[in-house]
Amino acid sequence: MTELLGLLLLFLLGAGYWQVRRQSEFARLWLERYCRQQQFQLLSVYRYRYQWKKGRLLAEFRFEFSHDGLQHSEGKLWLHHVKVLNVSVPVLRESPSPML
């Protein structure tokens, strides 16, 4: 009986790890496509935290991007499983012109 519980626990840990990796890969691919559409350069993506909202476990990813090649900004991506709930980026400012 103990061996069966140990195998079940091992299976559940493996399935959980697989889900976390699947979600991370989905977030990275989705953000690459999003940044390409917005003409941003994606610099990095990382899982920031998990949060319970309305009975659902949501994953928040943070990503760094550049819109002009010089400055970098940070955006947020919220996922439930592999469904995008929200993406937010800060208001972007134009870099000052060197002629001024």
C-alpha atoms as a PDB file:
ATOM      1  CA  MET A   1       0.000   0.000   0.000  1.00  0.00           C
ATOM      2  CA  THR A   2       2.844   2.399   0.822  1.00  0.00           C
ATOM      3  CA  GLU A   3       4.483   1.690  -2.546  1.00  0.00           C
ATOM      4  CA  LEU A   4       1.222   2.473  -4.336  1.00  0.00           C
ATOM      5  CA  LEU A   5       0.876   5.798  -2.531  1.00  0.00           C
ATOM      6  CA  GLY A   6       4.501   6.604  -3.324  1.00  0.00           C
ATOM      7  CA  LEU A   7       3.954   5.870  -7.018  1.00  0.00           C
ATOM      8  CA  LEU A   8       0.783   7.959  -7.034  1.00  0.00           C
ATOM      9  CA  LEU A   9       2.610  10.875  -5.413  1.00  0.00           C
ATOM     10  CA  LEU A  10       5.462  10.551  -7.909  1.00  0.00           C
ATOM     11  CA  PHE A  11       2.977  10.515 -10.778  1.00  0.00           C
ATOM     12  CA  LEU A  12       1.181  13.612  -9.474  1.00  0.00           C
ATOM     13  CA  LEU A  13       4.463  15.500  -9.048  1.00  0.00           C
ATOM     14  CA  GLY A  14       5.497  14.591 -12.588  1.00  0.00           C
ATOM     15  CA  ALA A  15       2.139  15.646 -14.022  1.00  0.00           C
ATOM     16  CA  GLY A  16       2.309  18.953 -12.137  1.00  0.00           C
ATOM     17  CA  TYR A  17       5.822  19.638 -13.398  1.00  0.00           C
ATOM     18  CA  TRP A  18       4.755  18.812 -16.952  1.00  0.00           C
ATOM     19  CA  GLN A  19       1.826  21.269 -16.696  1.00  0.00           C
ATOM     20  CA  VAL A  20       4.099  24.043 -15.406  1.00  0.00           C
ATOM     21  CA  ARG A  21       6.547  23.507 -18.280  1.00  0.00           C
ATOM     22  CA  ARG A  22       3.710  23.363 -20.815  1.00  0.00           C
ATOM     23  CA  GLN A  23       2.292  26.645 -19.522  1.00  0.00           C
ATOM     24  CA  SER A  24       5.711  28.332 -19.570  1.00  0.00           C
ATOM     25  CA  GLU A  25       6.367  27.230 -23.143  1.00  0.00           C
ATOM     26  CA  PHE A  26       2.911  28.423 -24.221  1.00  0.00           C
ATOM     27  CA  ALA A  27       3.487  31.835 -22.588  1.00  0.00           C
ATOM     28  CA  ARG A  28       6.857  32.249 -24.301  1.00  0.00           C
ATOM     29  CA  LEU A  29       5.498  31.334 -27.755  1.00  0.00           C
ATOM     30  CA  TRP A  30       2.405  33.515 -27.336  1.00  0.00           C
ATOM     31  CA  LEU A  31       4.495  36.495 -26.237  1.00  0.00           C
ATOM     32  CA  GLU A  32       6.904  36.055 -29.144  1.00  0.00           C
ATOM     33  CA  ARG A  33       3.975  36.280 -31.564  1.00  0.00           C
ATOM     34  CA  TYR A  34       2.418  39.195 -29.654  1.00  0.00           C
ATOM     35  CA  CYS A  35       5.673  41.183 -29.639  1.00  0.00           C
ATOM     36  CA  ARG A  36       6.227  40.502 -33.338  1.00  0.00           C
ATOM     37  CA  GLN A  37       2.712  41.877 -34.090  1.00  0.00           C
ATOM     38  CA  GLN A  38       3.305  44.970 -31.921  1.00  0.00           C
ATOM     39  CA  GLN A  39       6.802  45.448 -33.409  1.00  0.00           C
ATOM     40  CA  PHE A  40       8.481  44.958 -30.034  1.00  0.00           C
ATOM     41  CA  GLN A  41      11.663  43.048 -29.314  1.00  0.00           C
ATOM     42  CA  LEU A  42      11.034  40.394 -26.639  1.00  0.00           C
ATOM     43  CA  LEU A  43      13.942  40.304 -24.190  1.00  0.00           C
ATOM     44  CA  SER A  44      12.875  37.867 -21.447  1.00  0.00           C
ATOM     45  CA  VAL A  45       9.902  36.009 -19.991  1.00  0.00           C
ATOM     46  CA  TYR A  46       9.537  34.672 -16.463  1.00  0.00           C
ATOM     47  CA  ARG A  47       6.805  33.308 -14.215  1.00  0.00           C
ATOM     48  CA  TYR A  48       6.179  35.855 -11.491  1.00  0.00           C
ATOM     49  CA  ARG A  49       3.543  34.242  -9.260  1.00  0.00           C
ATOM     50  CA  TYR A  50       0.371  32.217  -8.922  1.00  0.00           C
ATOM     51  CA  GLN A  51      -2.803  33.762  -7.564  1.00  0.00           C
ATOM     52  CA  TRP A  52      -6.295  32.477  -6.698  1.00  0.00           C
ATOM     53  CA  LYS A  53      -9.005  34.638  -8.276  1.00  0.00           C
ATOM     54  CA  LYS A  54     -12.670  33.693  -8.479  1.00  0.00           C
ATOM     55  CA  GLY A  55     -11.925  30.063  -7.688  1.00  0.00           C
ATOM     56  CA  ARG A  56      -9.262  29.725 -10.391  1.00  0.00           C
ATOM     57  CA  LEU A  57      -5.507  29.403 -10.116  1.00  0.00           C
ATOM     58  CA  LEU A  58      -4.012  32.065 -12.374  1.00  0.00           C
ATOM     59  CA  ALA A  59      -0.386  32.343 -13.414  1.00  0.00           C
ATOM     60  CA  GLU A  60       1.168  35.761 -13.867  1.00  0.00           C
ATOM     61  CA  PHE A  61       4.118  36.038 -16.212  1.00  0.00           C
ATOM     62  CA  ARG A  62       6.264  39.133 -16.541  1.00  0.00           C
ATOM     63  CA  PHE A  63       8.100  39.914 -19.743  1.00  0.00           C
ATOM     64  CA  GLU A  64      10.647  42.503 -20.719  1.00  0.00           C
ATOM     65  CA  PHE A  65      10.573  44.044 -24.163  1.00  0.00           C
ATOM     66  CA  SER A  66      12.028  46.928 -26.110  1.00  0.00           C
ATOM     67  CA  HIS A  67      10.049  49.071 -28.507  1.00  0.00           C
ATOM     68  CA  ASP A  68      12.916  51.172 -29.827  1.00  0.00           C
ATOM     69  CA  GLY A  69      16.012  49.056 -29.251  1.00  0.00           C
ATOM     70  CA  LEU A  70      17.328  51.349 -26.510  1.00  0.00           C
ATOM     71  CA  GLN A  71      14.826  51.329 -23.644  1.00  0.00           C
ATOM     72  CA  HIS A  72      13.243  48.298 -22.044  1.00  0.00           C
ATOM     73  CA  SER A  73       9.836  47.991 -20.425  1.00  0.00           C
ATOM     74  CA  GLU A  74       8.018  45.300 -18.479  1.00  0.00           C
ATOM     75  CA  GLY A  75       4.594  43.872 -19.269  1.00  0.00           C
ATOM     76  CA  LYS A  76       2.304  41.334 -17.610  1.00  0.00           C
ATOM     77  CA  LEU A  77       0.548  38.264 -18.969  1.00  0.00           C
ATOM     78  CA  TRP A  78      -2.186  36.411 -17.035  1.00  0.00           C
ATOM     79  CA  LEU A  79      -2.938  32.783 -17.908  1.00  0.00           C
ATOM     80  CA  HIS A  80      -5.464  30.215 -16.738  1.00  0.00           C
ATOM     81  CA  HIS A  81      -4.081  26.832 -17.845  1.00  0.00           C
ATOM     82  CA  VAL A  82      -3.097  27.705 -21.434  1.00  0.00           C
ATOM     83  CA  LYS A  83      -5.702  30.401 -22.014  1.00  0.00           C
ATOM     84  CA  VAL A  84      -4.650  34.043 -22.125  1.00  0.00           C
ATOM     85  CA  LEU A  85      -6.851  36.152 -19.856  1.00  0.00           C
ATOM     86  CA  ASN A  86      -5.077  39.493 -20.020  1.00  0.00           C
ATOM     87  CA  VAL A  87      -1.919  41.120 -21.300  1.00  0.00           C
ATOM     88  CA  SER A  88      -0.853  44.595 -20.260  1.00  0.00           C
ATOM     89  CA  VAL A  89       2.011  46.815 -21.300  1.00  0.00           C
ATOM     90  CA  PRO A  90       2.899  50.245 -19.935  1.00  0.00           C
ATOM     91  CA  VAL A  91       2.253  53.420 -21.878  1.00  0.00           C
ATOM     92  CA  LEU A  92       5.287  53.787 -24.108  1.00  0.00           C
ATOM     93  CA  ARG A  93       7.040  57.092 -24.564  1.00  0.00           C
ATOM     94  CA  GLU A  94       9.026  58.172 -27.544  1.00  0.00           C
ATOM     95  CA  SER A  95      12.723  58.548 -26.861  1.00  0.00           C
ATOM     96  CA  PRO A  96      13.864  62.176 -26.990  1.00  0.00           C
ATOM     97  CA  SER A  97      15.186  63.273 -30.331  1.00  0.00           C
ATOM     98  CA  PRO A  98      18.937  63.964 -30.344  1.00  0.00           C
ATOM     99  CA  MET A  99      18.253  67.057 -32.482  1.00  0.00           C
ATOM    100  CA  LEU A 100      16.424  68.880 -29.669  1.00  0.00           C
END
